[in-house]
Amino acid sequence: MRLSAPTGIVFILSVILAILSVLPVLGISVPVVAAYSYWVLAAAFAILAAGNLLKGL
């Protein structure tokens, strides 16, 4: 299996989701994300992993 670099959109999306998931830990409350911060971080990682594994994504 060959890995490829994720596109810019996929990378930026995963970084935004990762930052949103860390904000409640720092004390900045985002009501939508606060209850699901672990799952938002897992989704960010999954999106980034898919961008590496799937060519053209």
PDB file of N, CA and C in Angstrom:
ATOM      1  N   MET A   1       0.843  -1.166   0.000  1.00  0.00           N
ATOM      2  CA  MET A   1       0.000   0.000   0.000  1.00  0.00           C
ATOM      3  C   MET A   1       0.896   1.239   0.000  1.00  0.00           C
ATOM      4  N   ARG A   2       0.604   2.127  -0.918  1.00  0.00           N
ATOM      5  CA  ARG A   2       1.363   3.365  -1.007  1.00  0.00           C
ATOM      6  C   ARG A   2       0.553   4.495  -0.410  1.00  0.00           C
ATOM      7  N   LEU A   3       1.227   5.316   0.351  1.00  0.00           N
ATOM      8  CA  LEU A   3       0.579   6.472   0.969  1.00  0.00           C
ATOM      9  C   LEU A   3       0.763   7.694   0.075  1.00  0.00           C
ATOM     10  N   SER A   4      -0.194   8.580   0.130  1.00  0.00           N
ATOM     11  CA  SER A   4      -0.088   9.828  -0.623  1.00  0.00           C
ATOM     12  C   SER A   4      -0.388  10.992   0.316  1.00  0.00           C
ATOM     13  N   ALA A   5       0.100  12.132  -0.050  1.00  0.00           N
ATOM     14  CA  ALA A   5      -0.146  13.324   0.765  1.00  0.00           C
ATOM     15  C   ALA A   5      -1.606  13.741   0.626  1.00  0.00           C
ATOM     16  N   PRO A   6      -2.226  14.148   1.718  1.00  0.00           N
ATOM     17  CA  PRO A   6      -3.610  14.613   1.619  1.00  0.00           C
ATOM     18  C   PRO A   6      -3.679  15.959   0.911  1.00  0.00           C
ATOM     19  N   THR A   7      -4.826  16.251   0.337  1.00  0.00           N
ATOM     20  CA  THR A   7      -4.987  17.550  -0.318  1.00  0.00           C
ATOM     21  C   THR A   7      -5.049  18.643   0.744  1.00  0.00           C
ATOM     22  N   GLY A   8      -4.909  19.850   0.314  1.00  0.00           N
ATOM     23  CA  GLY A   8      -4.921  20.977   1.244  1.00  0.00           C
ATOM     24  C   GLY A   8      -6.232  21.115   1.998  1.00  0.00           C
ATOM     25  N   ILE A   9      -7.335  20.862   1.309  1.00  0.00           N
ATOM     26  CA  ILE A   9      -8.663  20.974   1.940  1.00  0.00           C
ATOM     27  C   ILE A   9      -8.802  19.945   3.056  1.00  0.00           C
ATOM     28  N   VAL A  10      -8.383  18.713   2.807  1.00  0.00           N
ATOM     29  CA  VAL A  10      -8.491  17.652   3.813  1.00  0.00           C
ATOM     30  C   VAL A  10      -7.610  17.977   5.014  1.00  0.00           C
ATOM     31  N   PHE A  11      -6.417  18.472   4.765  1.00  0.00           N
ATOM     32  CA  PHE A  11      -5.508  18.808   5.853  1.00  0.00           C
ATOM     33  C   PHE A  11      -6.066  19.945   6.700  1.00  0.00           C
ATOM     34  N   ILE A  12      -6.546  21.004   6.063  1.00  0.00           N
ATOM     35  CA  ILE A  12      -7.097  22.146   6.792  1.00  0.00           C
ATOM     36  C   ILE A  12      -8.334  21.733   7.581  1.00  0.00           C
ATOM     37  N   LEU A  13      -9.203  20.914   6.996  1.00  0.00           N
ATOM     38  CA  LEU A  13     -10.401  20.446   7.690  1.00  0.00           C
ATOM     39  C   LEU A  13     -10.039  19.646   8.935  1.00  0.00           C
ATOM     40  N   SER A  14      -9.055  18.771   8.826  1.00  0.00           N
ATOM     41  CA  SER A  14      -8.660  17.971   9.989  1.00  0.00           C
ATOM     42  C   SER A  14      -8.001  18.840  11.064  1.00  0.00           C
ATOM     43  N   VAL A  15      -7.248  19.845  10.676  1.00  0.00           N
ATOM     44  CA  VAL A  15      -6.635  20.742  11.661  1.00  0.00           C
ATOM     45  C   VAL A  15      -7.705  21.566  12.379  1.00  0.00           C
ATOM     46  N   ILE A  16      -8.698  22.059  11.633  1.00  0.00           N
ATOM     47  CA  ILE A  16      -9.779  22.831  12.257  1.00  0.00           C
ATOM     48  C   ILE A  16     -10.551  21.971  13.251  1.00  0.00           C
ATOM     49  N   LEU A  17     -10.864  20.736  12.873  1.00  0.00           N
ATOM     50  CA  LEU A  17     -11.575  19.851  13.791  1.00  0.00           C
ATOM     51  C   LEU A  17     -10.731  19.534  15.024  1.00  0.00           C
ATOM     52  N   ALA A  18      -9.443  19.332  14.838  1.00  0.00           N
ATOM     53  CA  ALA A  18      -8.569  19.041  15.973  1.00  0.00           C
ATOM     54  C   ALA A  18      -8.500  20.238  16.925  1.00  0.00           C
ATOM     55  N   ILE A  19      -8.409  21.435  16.387  1.00  0.00           N
ATOM     56  CA  ILE A  19      -8.371  22.629  17.235  1.00  0.00           C
ATOM     57  C   ILE A  19      -9.693  22.798  17.983  1.00  0.00           C
ATOM     58  N   LEU A  20     -10.809  22.573  17.302  1.00  0.00           N
ATOM     59  CA  LEU A  20     -12.112  22.673  17.962  1.00  0.00           C
ATOM     60  C   LEU A  20     -12.256  21.664  19.094  1.00  0.00           C
ATOM     61  N   SER A  21     -11.660  20.493  18.936  1.00  0.00           N
ATOM     62  CA  SER A  21     -11.781  19.475  19.983  1.00  0.00           C
ATOM     63  C   SER A  21     -10.902  19.781  21.192  1.00  0.00           C
ATOM     64  N   VAL A  22      -9.857  20.564  21.019  1.00  0.00           N
ATOM     65  CA  VAL A  22      -8.953  20.885  22.128  1.00  0.00           C
ATOM     66  C   VAL A  22      -9.427  22.114  22.900  1.00  0.00           C
ATOM     67  N   LEU A  23     -10.222  22.962  22.297  1.00  0.00           N
ATOM     68  CA  LEU A  23     -10.670  24.197  22.953  1.00  0.00           C
ATOM     69  C   LEU A  23     -11.368  23.967  24.294  1.00  0.00           C
ATOM     70  N   PRO A  24     -12.278  22.990  24.432  1.00  0.00           N
ATOM     71  CA  PRO A  24     -12.901  22.784  25.756  1.00  0.00           C
ATOM     72  C   PRO A  24     -11.900  22.392  26.845  1.00  0.00           C
ATOM     73  N   VAL A  25     -10.834  21.740  26.483  1.00  0.00           N
ATOM     74  CA  VAL A  25      -9.800  21.373  27.457  1.00  0.00           C
ATOM     75  C   VAL A  25      -9.078  22.623  27.952  1.00  0.00           C
ATOM     76  N   LEU A  26      -8.941  23.610  27.095  1.00  0.00           N
ATOM     77  CA  LEU A  26      -8.278  24.860  27.458  1.00  0.00           C
ATOM     78  C   LEU A  26      -9.196  25.840  28.171  1.00  0.00           C
ATOM     79  N   GLY A  27     -10.465  25.478  28.312  1.00  0.00           N
ATOM     80  CA  GLY A  27     -11.399  26.329  29.025  1.00  0.00           C
ATOM     81  C   GLY A  27     -12.253  27.208  28.138  1.00  0.00           C
ATOM     82  N   ILE A  28     -12.082  27.117  26.844  1.00  0.00           N
ATOM     83  CA  ILE A  28     -12.897  27.883  25.902  1.00  0.00           C
ATOM     84  C   ILE A  28     -14.067  26.996  25.492  1.00  0.00           C
ATOM     85  N   SER A  29     -15.246  27.364  25.934  1.00  0.00           N
ATOM     86  CA  SER A  29     -16.408  26.505  25.727  1.00  0.00           C
ATOM     87  C   SER A  29     -17.027  26.736  24.358  1.00  0.00           C
ATOM     88  N   VAL A  30     -17.107  25.662  23.594  1.00  0.00           N
ATOM     89  CA  VAL A  30     -17.840  25.631  22.338  1.00  0.00           C
ATOM     90  C   VAL A  30     -18.969  24.632  22.569  1.00  0.00           C
ATOM     91  N   PRO A  31     -20.200  25.114  22.768  1.00  0.00           N
ATOM     92  CA  PRO A  31     -21.277  24.230  23.230  1.00  0.00           C
ATOM     93  C   PRO A  31     -21.519  23.006  22.350  1.00  0.00           C
ATOM     94  N   VAL A  32     -21.398  23.147  21.055  1.00  0.00           N
ATOM     95  CA  VAL A  32     -21.671  22.026  20.158  1.00  0.00           C
ATOM     96  C   VAL A  32     -20.598  20.956  20.279  1.00  0.00           C
ATOM     97  N   VAL A  33     -19.369  21.364  20.476  1.00  0.00           N
ATOM     98  CA  VAL A  33     -18.237  20.441  20.466  1.00  0.00           C
ATOM     99  C   VAL A  33     -17.877  19.939  21.862  1.00  0.00           C
ATOM    100  N   ALA A  34     -18.205  20.669  22.892  1.00  0.00           N
ATOM    101  CA  ALA A  34     -17.732  20.365  24.241  1.00  0.00           C
ATOM    102  C   ALA A  34     -18.102  18.960  24.698  1.00  0.00           C
ATOM    103  N   ALA A  35     -19.305  18.540  24.418  1.00  0.00           N
ATOM    104  CA  ALA A  35     -19.746  17.218  24.870  1.00  0.00           C
ATOM    105  C   ALA A  35     -19.136  16.090  24.040  1.00  0.00           C
ATOM    106  N   TYR A  36     -18.713  16.386  22.828  1.00  0.00           N
ATOM    107  CA  TYR A  36     -18.210  15.353  21.925  1.00  0.00           C
ATOM    108  C   TYR A  36     -16.771  15.607  21.491  1.00  0.00           C
ATOM    109  N   SER A  37     -15.975  16.230  22.318  1.00  0.00           N
ATOM    110  CA  SER A  37     -14.627  16.623  21.901  1.00  0.00           C
ATOM    111  C   SER A  37     -13.758  15.416  21.536  1.00  0.00           C
ATOM    112  N   TYR A  38     -13.924  14.317  22.254  1.00  0.00           N
ATOM    113  CA  TYR A  38     -13.142  13.118  21.922  1.00  0.00           C
ATOM    114  C   TYR A  38     -13.510  12.622  20.526  1.00  0.00           C
ATOM    115  N   TRP A  39     -14.794  12.582  20.222  1.00  0.00           N
ATOM    116  CA  TRP A  39     -15.230  12.068  18.925  1.00  0.00           C
ATOM    117  C   TRP A  39     -14.884  13.022  17.792  1.00  0.00           C
ATOM    118  N   VAL A  40     -14.866  14.294  18.070  1.00  0.00           N
ATOM    119  CA  VAL A  40     -14.451  15.264  17.049  1.00  0.00           C
ATOM    120  C   VAL A  40     -12.970  15.077  16.737  1.00  0.00           C
ATOM    121  N   LEU A  41     -12.163  14.834  17.770  1.00  0.00           N
ATOM    122  CA  LEU A  41     -10.742  14.581  17.541  1.00  0.00           C
ATOM    123  C   LEU A  41     -10.533  13.271  16.781  1.00  0.00           C
ATOM    124  N   ALA A  42     -11.317  12.253  17.109  1.00  0.00           N
ATOM    125  CA  ALA A  42     -11.229  10.978  16.388  1.00  0.00           C
ATOM    126  C   ALA A  42     -11.630  11.163  14.924  1.00  0.00           C
ATOM    127  N   ALA A  43     -12.641  11.994  14.662  1.00  0.00           N
ATOM    128  CA  ALA A  43     -13.054  12.267  13.288  1.00  0.00           C
ATOM    129  C   ALA A  43     -11.961  13.018  12.532  1.00  0.00           C
ATOM    130  N   ALA A  44     -11.296  13.950  13.197  1.00  0.00           N
ATOM    131  CA  ALA A  44     -10.202  14.688  12.561  1.00  0.00           C
ATOM    132  C   ALA A  44      -9.076  13.735  12.165  1.00  0.00           C
ATOM    133  N   PHE A  45      -8.751  12.810  13.060  1.00  0.00           N
ATOM    134  CA  PHE A  45      -7.707  11.837  12.740  1.00  0.00           C
ATOM    135  C   PHE A  45      -8.145  10.916  11.605  1.00  0.00           C
ATOM    136  N   ALA A  46      -9.398  10.480  11.627  1.00  0.00           N
ATOM    137  CA  ALA A  46      -9.902   9.592  10.578  1.00  0.00           C
ATOM    138  C   ALA A  46      -9.896  10.281   9.211  1.00  0.00           C
ATOM    139  N   ILE A  47     -10.258  11.551   9.182  1.00  0.00           N
ATOM    140  CA  ILE A  47     -10.238  12.300   7.922  1.00  0.00           C
ATOM    141  C   ILE A  47      -8.814  12.437   7.406  1.00  0.00           C
ATOM    142  N   LEU A  48      -7.883  12.735   8.302  1.00  0.00           N
ATOM    143  CA  LEU A  48      -6.487  12.855   7.884  1.00  0.00           C
ATOM    144  C   LEU A  48      -5.922  11.514   7.428  1.00  0.00           C
ATOM    145  N   ALA A  49      -6.267  10.445   8.124  1.00  0.00           N
ATOM    146  CA  ALA A  49      -5.809   9.102   7.717  1.00  0.00           C
ATOM    147  C   ALA A  49      -6.391   8.722   6.368  1.00  0.00           C
ATOM    148  N   ALA A  50      -7.656   9.027   6.139  1.00  0.00           N
ATOM    149  CA  ALA A  50      -8.266   8.732   4.841  1.00  0.00           C
ATOM    150  C   ALA A  50      -7.591   9.547   3.728  1.00  0.00           C
ATOM    151  N   GLY A  51      -7.227  10.767   4.043  1.00  0.00           N
ATOM    152  CA  GLY A  51      -6.524  11.579   3.054  1.00  0.00           C
ATOM    153  C   GLY A  51      -5.170  11.016   2.699  1.00  0.00           C
ATOM    154  N   ASN A  52      -4.524  10.311   3.625  1.00  0.00           N
ATOM    155  CA  ASN A  52      -3.238   9.685   3.353  1.00  0.00           C
ATOM    156  C   ASN A  52      -3.397   8.350   2.634  1.00  0.00           C
ATOM    157  N   LEU A  53      -4.438   7.625   2.941  1.00  0.00           N
ATOM    158  CA  LEU A  53      -4.610   6.287   2.386  1.00  0.00           C
ATOM    159  C   LEU A  53      -5.268   6.280   1.015  1.00  0.00           C
ATOM    160  N   LEU A  54      -6.162   7.207   0.757  1.00  0.00           N
ATOM    161  CA  LEU A  54      -6.895   7.233  -0.503  1.00  0.00           C
ATOM    162  C   LEU A  54      -6.276   8.265  -1.449  1.00  0.00           C
ATOM    163  N   LYS A  55      -5.885   7.812  -2.600  1.00  0.00           N
ATOM    164  CA  LYS A  55      -5.239   8.704  -3.558  1.00  0.00           C
ATOM    165  C   LYS A  55      -6.256   9.684  -4.122  1.00  0.00           C
ATOM    166  N   GLY A  56      -5.901  10.938  -4.145  1.00  0.00           N
ATOM    167  CA  GLY A  56      -6.750  11.977  -4.693  1.00  0.00           C
ATOM    168  C   GLY A  56      -7.711  12.601  -3.707  1.00  0.00           C
ATOM    169  N   LEU A  57      -7.647  12.174  -2.457  1.00  0.00           N
ATOM    170  CA  LEU A  57      -8.554  12.738  -1.438  1.00  0.00           C
ATOM    171  C   LEU A  57      -7.809  13.690  -0.548  1.00  0.00           C
TER     172      LEU A  57
END
